[in-house]
Structure formats: C-alpha cells, structure tokens
Amino acid sequence: MLNSIQEKLVIRVPHRIDAFTAPHLSKDFELKIEQGRQIILDFSLTRTIDPNAADVVLQGLMLAKQRNAQFSLKNVQPQVRVILEMAGVLRFFRKK
C-alpha cells in the first residue's frame, strides 16, 4: 500500500546554483527528503544556475524516488528554466 503524503516541505533554492552552492543544496536534500514527504523546490529567488550544477536537481529527484517521496519544482524563472531544459533536467518533471 502506498503511503499518503504526510508532510509538505518547501525548500527555497538560493539566488544562484553553482559549483559552490550545489553541494549545500545536495546536503539539504539528503537531510530533508524522507518517505512520504512532499518536497517542493521553490525557485522564486533563483536567477542563475550553472549548467554543470543543474544535475543537483536530478539527484534530488532520484533520492526522492528512492525514499518514496514526491519532488516538484515551483516558480522556476525563465532564465533558469532554459538551463534546466538544456541540461535535460525538466524532462523528468511533469508540467502542471
């Protein structure tokens, strides 16, 4: 039987995701993604993302799947969306 979502957690992504901030975001995922939890990445503050660091979002999605949690994106700014699309990250998320 599947667990229903018990808790919603919003993670506010920093203004910039790069080689310096990506490991911190990854650590945040490791600590906060739990079974049955709904994780929402809020990109409303994020203005730039390094294409090489974009895969941290994919790593979070894979960790959520392993832990039977939900993982979604919110308020992705156009300039960030372009990088996530080019990096192939968005194809793993359904559009709402």
Protein backbone atom coordinates (compact mmCIF):
# COMPACT_ATOMS: atom_id res chain seq x y z
CA MET A 1 0.00 0.00 0.00
CA LEU A 2 1.30 3.44 -0.88
CA ASN A 3 1.73 5.94 1.90
CA SER A 4 -0.21 9.15 1.58
CA ILE A 5 1.74 12.38 1.69
CA GLN A 6 2.06 13.28 5.33
CA GLU A 7 4.12 16.43 5.24
CA LYS A 8 4.86 19.15 2.72
CA LEU A 9 8.25 20.83 2.84
CA VAL A 10 9.27 23.82 0.73
CA ILE A 11 12.98 24.22 0.06
CA ARG A 12 13.86 27.70 -1.12
CA VAL A 13 16.61 27.40 -3.68
CA PRO A 14 19.33 30.07 -3.35
CA HIS A 15 19.76 33.04 -5.68
CA ARG A 16 22.48 31.18 -7.56
CA ILE A 17 23.23 27.48 -8.04
CA ASP A 18 26.84 26.88 -8.96
CA ALA A 19 29.76 24.62 -8.04
CA PHE A 20 29.88 26.24 -4.59
CA THR A 21 26.18 26.15 -3.66
CA ALA A 22 25.19 22.86 -5.34
CA PRO A 23 26.83 20.65 -2.67
CA HIS A 24 24.96 22.55 0.05
CA LEU A 25 21.67 22.02 -1.76
CA SER A 26 22.51 18.34 -2.20
CA LYS A 27 23.20 18.03 1.54
CA ASP A 28 19.86 19.75 2.22
CA PHE A 29 18.14 17.10 0.09
CA GLU A 30 19.92 14.31 1.92
CA LEU A 31 18.73 15.63 5.28
CA LYS A 32 15.17 16.61 4.36
CA ILE A 33 13.88 14.07 1.85
CA GLU A 34 12.00 11.40 3.79
CA GLN A 35 9.48 8.71 2.95
CA GLY A 36 6.00 10.10 2.43
CA ARG A 37 7.16 13.71 2.39
CA GLN A 38 6.29 16.11 -0.42
CA ILE A 39 9.30 18.24 -1.34
CA ILE A 40 8.72 21.43 -3.30
CA LEU A 41 11.74 23.28 -4.66
CA ASP A 42 10.86 26.96 -4.76
CA PHE A 43 12.96 28.71 -7.40
CA SER A 44 11.38 32.16 -6.91
CA LEU A 45 14.70 33.63 -5.66
CA THR A 46 16.92 31.79 -8.14
CA ARG A 47 18.21 33.91 -11.01
CA THR A 48 21.17 31.89 -12.28
CA ILE A 49 22.14 28.25 -12.43
CA ASP A 50 25.38 26.79 -13.69
CA PRO A 51 24.60 24.07 -16.26
CA ASN A 52 27.15 21.77 -14.60
CA ALA A 53 25.40 22.22 -11.24
CA ALA A 54 21.89 21.69 -12.66
CA ASP A 55 22.10 17.95 -12.11
CA VAL A 56 21.80 18.53 -8.35
CA VAL A 57 18.06 18.90 -9.05
CA LEU A 58 18.06 15.50 -10.76
CA GLN A 59 19.93 13.98 -7.84
CA GLY A 60 17.22 15.29 -5.54
CA LEU A 61 14.53 13.73 -7.72
CA MET A 62 16.30 10.36 -7.74
CA LEU A 63 16.75 10.47 -3.96
CA ALA A 64 13.06 11.28 -3.54
CA LYS A 65 12.10 8.30 -5.71
CA GLN A 66 14.38 6.03 -3.68
CA ARG A 67 12.76 7.26 -0.47
CA ASN A 68 9.20 7.16 -1.80
CA ALA A 69 8.74 10.91 -1.54
CA GLN A 70 7.29 13.40 -4.01
CA PHE A 71 9.53 16.03 -5.57
CA SER A 72 8.37 19.03 -7.57
CA LEU A 73 9.52 22.42 -8.84
CA LYS A 74 7.76 25.74 -8.29
CA ASN A 75 8.29 29.30 -9.54
CA VAL A 76 11.08 28.42 -11.98
CA GLN A 77 12.25 31.67 -13.55
CA PRO A 78 12.55 31.74 -17.38
CA GLN A 79 16.34 32.08 -17.39
CA VAL A 80 16.65 29.12 -15.00
CA ARG A 81 14.10 27.07 -16.96
CA VAL A 82 16.23 27.43 -20.11
CA ILE A 83 19.30 26.00 -18.35
CA LEU A 84 17.30 23.16 -16.77
CA GLU A 85 15.84 22.32 -20.19
CA MET A 86 19.24 22.41 -21.88
CA ALA A 87 20.69 20.17 -19.16
CA GLY A 88 17.84 17.69 -19.71
CA VAL A 89 16.53 18.04 -16.17
CA LEU A 90 12.98 19.19 -16.93
CA ARG A 91 12.10 16.13 -18.99
CA PHE A 92 11.84 14.21 -15.72
CA PHE A 93 9.17 16.56 -14.33
CA ARG A 94 5.55 16.73 -15.46
CA LYS A 95 4.18 20.10 -16.41
CA LYS A 96 1.26 21.27 -14.35
